Amino acid sequence: MIRQVDLYVHPNDSVGEEAKGFLEELEVILKVHDLKKSPLGRNQIEGLLRHFKPAHFFNPNYNGLGRKKADSVINNRREVIDLISLDNGYLKTPVVVYGRLMTVGFNRITIKTMLRMNVTSDKKADTITA
């Protein structure tokens, strides 16, 4: 089964690069979206967030926003979308999208599960079967 995955990353992000390498190892059709080269517009951000809680996508540590301001914004959908639209740096990455499924951050088991791959985990290594 061919799996087509979209990966949203910031440039020079080691976690994003690790996620990219992992997805390439899984031999999926991978479309990488570099948020610096091609920032997402408001409509794209709204589409990405869908019905999910905005706090899940919001990076409160970006650009010295401050805890107080972040706390006031984090659950306000419109404000989160406004901030991310102005500067995609406020978007937590990597974002991995497979069809209607999505995960924010990089967790191998979560990604394998999302891609409907059998996951066997032991203390030494995870194994995958498609």
N, C-alpha and C. Protein backbone atom coordinates (compact mmCIF):
# COMPACT_ATOMS: atom_id res chain seq x y z
N MET A 1 0.84 -1.18 0.00
CA MET A 1 0.00 0.00 0.00
C MET A 1 0.89 1.25 0.00
N ILE A 2 0.68 2.11 -0.98
CA ILE A 2 1.47 3.34 -1.07
C ILE A 2 0.87 4.38 -0.13
N ARG A 3 1.73 4.96 0.68
CA ARG A 3 1.30 5.98 1.64
C ARG A 3 1.87 7.33 1.24
N GLN A 4 0.98 8.32 1.15
CA GLN A 4 1.39 9.67 0.80
C GLN A 4 1.32 10.54 2.05
N VAL A 5 2.45 11.15 2.41
CA VAL A 5 2.57 11.90 3.66
C VAL A 5 3.04 13.32 3.37
N ASP A 6 2.42 14.29 4.05
CA ASP A 6 2.88 15.67 4.03
C ASP A 6 3.60 15.95 5.34
N LEU A 7 4.76 16.59 5.24
CA LEU A 7 5.56 16.92 6.41
C LEU A 7 5.83 18.42 6.39
N TYR A 8 5.38 19.11 7.43
CA TYR A 8 5.60 20.55 7.57
C TYR A 8 6.73 20.77 8.56
N VAL A 9 7.78 21.47 8.10
CA VAL A 9 8.96 21.67 8.94
C VAL A 9 9.51 23.09 8.81
N HIS A 10 10.24 23.49 9.83
CA HIS A 10 11.03 24.71 9.78
C HIS A 10 12.43 24.33 9.35
N PRO A 11 13.11 25.19 8.57
CA PRO A 11 14.47 24.86 8.15
C PRO A 11 15.42 24.80 9.36
N ASN A 12 16.44 24.01 9.23
CA ASN A 12 17.47 23.87 10.26
C ASN A 12 16.92 23.36 11.59
N ASP A 13 15.83 22.61 11.53
CA ASP A 13 15.23 22.03 12.73
C ASP A 13 15.64 20.56 12.79
N SER A 14 16.44 20.21 13.78
CA SER A 14 16.97 18.84 13.86
C SER A 14 15.86 17.80 14.03
N VAL A 15 14.81 18.15 14.75
CA VAL A 15 13.70 17.20 14.94
C VAL A 15 12.97 16.99 13.61
N GLY A 16 12.77 18.07 12.86
CA GLY A 16 12.14 17.95 11.54
C GLY A 16 12.97 17.11 10.60
N GLU A 17 14.29 17.29 10.64
CA GLU A 17 15.18 16.49 9.80
C GLU A 17 15.14 15.02 10.19
N GLU A 18 15.07 14.77 11.49
CA GLU A 18 14.98 13.38 11.96
C GLU A 18 13.67 12.74 11.50
N ALA A 19 12.58 13.50 11.58
CA ALA A 19 11.28 12.99 11.12
C ALA A 19 11.32 12.71 9.62
N LYS A 20 11.93 13.60 8.86
CA LYS A 20 12.05 13.42 7.41
C LYS A 20 12.82 12.14 7.10
N GLY A 21 13.96 11.95 7.76
CA GLY A 21 14.75 10.74 7.54
C GLY A 21 13.99 9.48 7.88
N PHE A 22 13.26 9.52 8.99
CA PHE A 22 12.47 8.37 9.42
C PHE A 22 11.40 8.04 8.38
N LEU A 23 10.70 9.06 7.88
CA LEU A 23 9.64 8.83 6.88
C LEU A 23 10.22 8.32 5.57
N GLU A 24 11.40 8.81 5.21
CA GLU A 24 12.06 8.30 4.00
C GLU A 24 12.41 6.82 4.16
N GLU A 25 12.84 6.41 5.35
CA GLU A 25 13.14 5.00 5.62
C GLU A 25 11.89 4.13 5.47
N LEU A 26 10.73 4.70 5.78
CA LEU A 26 9.47 3.95 5.67
C LEU A 26 8.99 3.85 4.23
N GLU A 27 9.71 4.51 3.33
CA GLU A 27 9.41 4.45 1.90
C GLU A 27 8.00 4.94 1.57
N VAL A 28 7.61 6.05 2.18
CA VAL A 28 6.34 6.69 1.84
C VAL A 28 6.61 7.72 0.75
N ILE A 29 5.56 8.13 0.06
CA ILE A 29 5.67 9.25 -0.86
C ILE A 29 5.62 10.49 0.02
N LEU A 30 6.71 11.22 0.08
CA LEU A 30 6.85 12.30 1.05
C LEU A 30 6.89 13.65 0.35
N LYS A 31 6.02 14.54 0.80
CA LYS A 31 6.03 15.93 0.33
C LYS A 31 6.41 16.79 1.52
N VAL A 32 7.59 17.42 1.44
CA VAL A 32 8.10 18.24 2.53
C VAL A 32 7.74 19.69 2.25
N HIS A 33 7.13 20.34 3.25
CA HIS A 33 6.75 21.74 3.16
C HIS A 33 7.69 22.54 4.06
N ASP A 34 8.60 23.29 3.44
CA ASP A 34 9.53 24.14 4.17
C ASP A 34 8.80 25.45 4.47
N LEU A 35 8.52 25.71 5.73
CA LEU A 35 7.71 26.85 6.12
C LEU A 35 8.43 28.18 5.96
N LYS A 36 9.74 28.15 5.77
CA LYS A 36 10.49 29.38 5.51
C LYS A 36 10.39 29.76 4.03
N LYS A 37 10.57 28.76 3.17
CA LYS A 37 10.51 29.00 1.73
C LYS A 37 9.09 29.28 1.26
N SER A 38 8.13 28.57 1.81
CA SER A 38 6.73 28.71 1.41
C SER A 38 5.84 28.78 2.65
N PRO A 39 5.77 29.95 3.27
CA PRO A 39 4.95 30.08 4.48
C PRO A 39 3.47 29.79 4.19
N LEU A 40 2.82 29.22 5.18
CA LEU A 40 1.40 28.93 5.04
C LEU A 40 0.58 30.20 5.23
N GLY A 41 -0.44 30.37 4.41
CA GLY A 41 -1.36 31.49 4.56
C GLY A 41 -2.48 31.12 5.52
N ARG A 42 -3.32 32.07 5.79
CA ARG A 42 -4.41 31.88 6.76
C ARG A 42 -5.30 30.69 6.40
N ASN A 43 -5.71 30.58 5.14
CA ASN A 43 -6.60 29.48 4.73
C ASN A 43 -5.92 28.12 4.90
N GLN A 44 -4.63 28.06 4.57
CA GLN A 44 -3.90 26.80 4.74
C GLN A 44 -3.78 26.43 6.22
N ILE A 45 -3.56 27.42 7.06
CA ILE A 45 -3.44 27.17 8.50
C ILE A 45 -4.77 26.70 9.06
N GLU A 46 -5.85 27.35 8.65
CA GLU A 46 -7.18 26.92 9.10
C GLU A 46 -7.46 25.49 8.66
N GLY A 47 -7.05 25.15 7.44
CA GLY A 47 -7.22 23.78 6.95
C GLY A 47 -6.38 22.78 7.73
N LEU A 48 -5.20 23.18 8.10
CA LEU A 48 -4.31 22.30 8.86
C LEU A 48 -4.84 22.08 10.27
N LEU A 49 -5.28 23.14 10.92
CA LEU A 49 -5.78 23.03 12.29
C LEU A 49 -7.12 22.28 12.35
N ARG A 50 -7.90 22.38 11.30
CA ARG A 50 -9.22 21.74 11.23
C ARG A 50 -9.98 21.96 12.52
N HIS A 51 -10.46 20.89 13.11
CA HIS A 51 -11.26 20.97 14.34
C HIS A 51 -10.42 20.74 15.60
N PHE A 52 -9.13 20.60 15.43
CA PHE A 52 -8.26 20.33 16.58
C PHE A 52 -8.11 21.56 17.47
N LYS A 53 -7.74 21.32 18.71
CA LYS A 53 -7.49 22.43 19.64
C LYS A 53 -6.29 23.23 19.15
N PRO A 54 -6.41 24.56 19.12
CA PRO A 54 -5.30 25.37 18.63
C PRO A 54 -4.04 25.25 19.47
N ALA A 55 -4.19 24.97 20.75
CA ALA A 55 -3.03 24.84 21.63
C ALA A 55 -2.09 23.73 21.17
N HIS A 56 -2.65 22.74 20.49
CA HIS A 56 -1.87 21.61 20.02
C HIS A 56 -0.83 22.04 18.98
N PHE A 57 -1.11 23.12 18.26
CA PHE A 57 -0.26 23.58 17.16
C PHE A 57 0.59 24.80 17.51
N PHE A 58 0.31 25.41 18.62
CA PHE A 58 0.91 26.71 18.95
C PHE A 58 2.19 26.55 19.75
N ASN A 59 3.25 27.21 19.29
CA ASN A 59 4.54 27.17 19.97
C ASN A 59 4.68 28.44 20.82
N PRO A 60 4.37 28.37 22.11
CA PRO A 60 4.40 29.56 22.96
C PRO A 60 5.81 30.05 23.27
N ASN A 61 6.80 29.26 22.99
CA ASN A 61 8.19 29.64 23.28
C ASN A 61 8.85 30.40 22.14
N TYR A 62 8.17 30.49 21.01
CA TYR A 62 8.76 31.14 19.85
C TYR A 62 8.77 32.66 20.02
N ASN A 63 9.87 33.27 19.65
CA ASN A 63 9.98 34.72 19.53
C ASN A 63 9.73 35.49 20.82
N GLY A 64 10.02 34.87 21.96
CA GLY A 64 9.90 35.57 23.23
C GLY A 64 8.52 36.09 23.54
N LEU A 65 7.51 35.33 23.17
CA LEU A 65 6.12 35.77 23.37
C LEU A 65 5.82 36.02 24.83
N GLY A 66 6.37 35.21 25.70
CA GLY A 66 6.11 35.37 27.13
C GLY A 66 4.96 34.49 27.58
N ARG A 67 5.09 33.95 28.76
CA ARG A 67 4.11 33.00 29.29
C ARG A 67 2.72 33.63 29.46
N LYS A 68 2.68 34.86 29.95
CA LYS A 68 1.38 35.51 30.18
C LYS A 68 0.61 35.70 28.88
N LYS A 69 1.29 36.21 27.86
CA LYS A 69 0.64 36.41 26.56
C LYS A 69 0.27 35.07 25.95
N ALA A 70 1.17 34.09 26.05
CA ALA A 70 0.90 32.76 25.49
C ALA A 70 -0.32 32.14 26.15
N ASP A 71 -0.43 32.27 27.47
CA ASP A 71 -1.58 31.72 28.19
C ASP A 71 -2.89 32.37 27.75
N SER A 72 -2.84 33.66 27.43
CA SER A 72 -4.06 34.35 27.02
C SER A 72 -4.46 34.02 25.58
N VAL A 73 -3.51 33.60 24.77
CA VAL A 73 -3.75 33.33 23.35
C VAL A 73 -4.07 31.87 23.08
N ILE A 74 -3.46 30.98 23.82
CA ILE A 74 -3.38 29.57 23.46
C ILE A 74 -4.73 28.88 23.21
N ASN A 75 -5.79 29.30 23.87
CA ASN A 75 -7.08 28.67 23.66
C ASN A 75 -8.03 29.51 22.81
N ASN A 76 -7.52 30.60 22.27
CA ASN A 76 -8.32 31.44 21.39
C ASN A 76 -7.97 31.11 19.95
N ARG A 77 -8.83 30.35 19.29
CA ARG A 77 -8.58 29.85 17.94
C ARG A 77 -8.19 30.98 16.98
N ARG A 78 -8.94 32.05 16.99
CA ARG A 78 -8.69 33.16 16.06
C ARG A 78 -7.30 33.78 16.29
N GLU A 79 -6.96 33.99 17.55
CA GLU A 79 -5.65 34.61 17.85
C GLU A 79 -4.50 33.69 17.47
N VAL A 80 -4.65 32.39 17.72
CA VAL A 80 -3.60 31.44 17.35
C VAL A 80 -3.42 31.46 15.83
N ILE A 81 -4.51 31.40 15.09
CA ILE A 81 -4.43 31.42 13.63
C ILE A 81 -3.83 32.74 13.15
N ASP A 82 -4.22 33.85 13.78
CA ASP A 82 -3.65 35.16 13.41
C ASP A 82 -2.14 35.18 13.60
N LEU A 83 -1.67 34.71 14.76
CA LEU A 83 -0.23 34.71 15.04
C LEU A 83 0.54 33.81 14.08
N ILE A 84 0.02 32.61 13.86
CA ILE A 84 0.71 31.68 12.95
C ILE A 84 0.70 32.23 11.53
N SER A 85 -0.39 32.91 11.15
CA SER A 85 -0.47 33.51 9.81
C SER A 85 0.57 34.61 9.64
N LEU A 86 0.77 35.40 10.68
CA LEU A 86 1.76 36.47 10.61
C LEU A 86 3.19 35.94 10.59
N ASP A 87 3.42 34.84 11.32
CA ASP A 87 4.75 34.26 11.40
C ASP A 87 4.62 32.76 11.67
N ASN A 88 4.93 31.95 10.65
CA ASN A 88 4.79 30.50 10.78
C ASN A 88 5.69 29.90 11.85
N GLY A 89 6.59 30.69 12.41
CA GLY A 89 7.43 30.22 13.51
C GLY A 89 6.62 29.84 14.74
N TYR A 90 5.40 30.37 14.85
CA TYR A 90 4.53 30.03 15.98
C TYR A 90 3.89 28.64 15.81
N LEU A 91 4.07 28.02 14.65
CA LEU A 91 3.53 26.69 14.42
C LEU A 91 4.51 25.65 14.94
N LYS A 92 4.02 24.79 15.85
CA LYS A 92 4.86 23.67 16.32
C LYS A 92 5.13 22.75 15.15
N THR A 93 6.35 22.28 15.08
CA THR A 93 6.70 21.34 14.02
C THR A 93 7.55 20.23 14.61
N PRO A 94 7.70 19.13 13.91
CA PRO A 94 7.12 18.84 12.62
C PRO A 94 5.64 18.49 12.73
N VAL A 95 4.92 18.74 11.64
CA VAL A 95 3.53 18.31 11.53
C VAL A 95 3.52 17.24 10.45
N VAL A 96 3.02 16.06 10.79
CA VAL A 96 2.97 14.93 9.86
C VAL A 96 1.50 14.67 9.55
N VAL A 97 1.16 14.71 8.24
CA VAL A 97 -0.23 14.54 7.82
C VAL A 97 -0.32 13.35 6.87
N TYR A 98 -1.24 12.45 7.18
CA TYR A 98 -1.51 11.29 6.34
C TYR A 98 -3.02 11.20 6.16
N GLY A 99 -3.50 11.67 5.02
CA GLY A 99 -4.95 11.69 4.79
C GLY A 99 -5.62 12.61 5.79
N ARG A 100 -6.57 12.06 6.54
CA ARG A 100 -7.28 12.83 7.55
C ARG A 100 -6.56 12.79 8.90
N LEU A 101 -5.51 12.00 9.00
CA LEU A 101 -4.80 11.83 10.26
C LEU A 101 -3.60 12.76 10.33
N MET A 102 -3.27 13.16 11.55
CA MET A 102 -2.18 14.10 11.73
C MET A 102 -1.58 13.95 13.12
N THR A 103 -0.28 14.25 13.19
CA THR A 103 0.38 14.32 14.50
C THR A 103 1.35 15.50 14.48
N VAL A 104 1.48 16.15 15.61
CA VAL A 104 2.40 17.26 15.76
C VAL A 104 3.53 16.78 16.66
N GLY A 105 4.76 16.97 16.20
CA GLY A 105 5.91 16.46 16.93
C GLY A 105 6.41 15.20 16.26
N PHE A 106 7.44 14.61 16.83
CA PHE A 106 8.03 13.42 16.22
C PHE A 106 8.06 12.29 17.23
N ASN A 107 7.22 11.31 16.98
CA ASN A 107 7.17 10.10 17.79
C ASN A 107 7.05 8.93 16.83
N ARG A 108 8.06 8.10 16.77
CA ARG A 108 8.10 7.01 15.79
C ARG A 108 6.87 6.09 15.89
N ILE A 109 6.53 5.70 17.09
CA ILE A 109 5.41 4.77 17.25
C ILE A 109 4.09 5.42 16.83
N THR A 110 3.90 6.68 17.18
CA THR A 110 2.68 7.38 16.77
C THR A 110 2.60 7.45 15.26
N ILE A 111 3.71 7.77 14.61
CA ILE A 111 3.71 7.86 13.15
C ILE A 111 3.44 6.50 12.51
N LYS A 112 4.09 5.45 13.00
CA LYS A 112 3.86 4.11 12.47
C LYS A 112 2.40 3.71 12.63
N THR A 113 1.83 4.01 13.79
CA THR A 113 0.43 3.68 14.05
C THR A 113 -0.47 4.46 13.10
N MET A 114 -0.19 5.74 12.93
CA MET A 114 -0.98 6.58 12.04
C MET A 114 -0.93 6.05 10.60
N LEU A 115 0.21 5.54 10.19
CA LEU A 115 0.37 4.99 8.84
C LEU A 115 -0.14 3.56 8.73
N ARG A 116 -0.73 3.07 9.80
CA ARG A 116 -1.30 1.72 9.85
C ARG A 116 -0.26 0.64 9.58
N MET A 117 0.88 0.83 10.18
CA MET A 117 1.93 -0.17 10.10
C MET A 117 1.94 -0.92 11.42
N ASN A 118 2.17 -2.21 11.35
CA ASN A 118 2.26 -2.99 12.58
C ASN A 118 3.51 -2.57 13.33
N VAL A 119 3.34 -2.34 14.60
CA VAL A 119 4.45 -1.88 15.43
C VAL A 119 4.70 -2.90 16.51
N THR A 120 5.94 -3.37 16.58
CA THR A 120 6.38 -4.22 17.66
C THR A 120 7.50 -3.48 18.35
N SER A 121 7.36 -3.28 19.62
CA SER A 121 8.36 -2.50 20.33
C SER A 121 9.03 -3.36 21.39
N ASP A 122 10.34 -3.25 21.45
CA ASP A 122 11.07 -3.84 22.56
C ASP A 122 12.05 -2.79 23.06
N LYS A 123 12.81 -3.11 24.06
CA LYS A 123 13.69 -2.10 24.65
C LYS A 123 14.81 -1.67 23.71
N LYS A 124 15.21 -2.55 22.79
CA LYS A 124 16.34 -2.23 21.92
C LYS A 124 15.93 -1.49 20.65
N ALA A 125 14.81 -1.90 20.03
CA ALA A 125 14.45 -1.29 18.74
C ALA A 125 12.99 -1.56 18.42
N ASP A 126 12.44 -0.69 17.59
CA ASP A 126 11.10 -0.90 17.06
C ASP A 126 11.25 -1.58 15.71
N THR A 127 10.34 -2.51 15.42
CA THR A 127 10.35 -3.13 14.11
C THR A 127 9.04 -2.79 13.42
N ILE A 128 9.09 -2.73 12.10
CA ILE A 128 7.93 -2.32 11.32
C ILE A 128 7.61 -3.40 10.30
N THR A 129 6.33 -3.64 10.11
CA THR A 129 5.90 -4.44 8.98
C THR A 129 4.75 -3.70 8.33
N ALA A 130 4.78 -3.63 7.04
CA ALA A 130 3.74 -2.88 6.30
C ALA A 130 2.56 -3.78 6.00
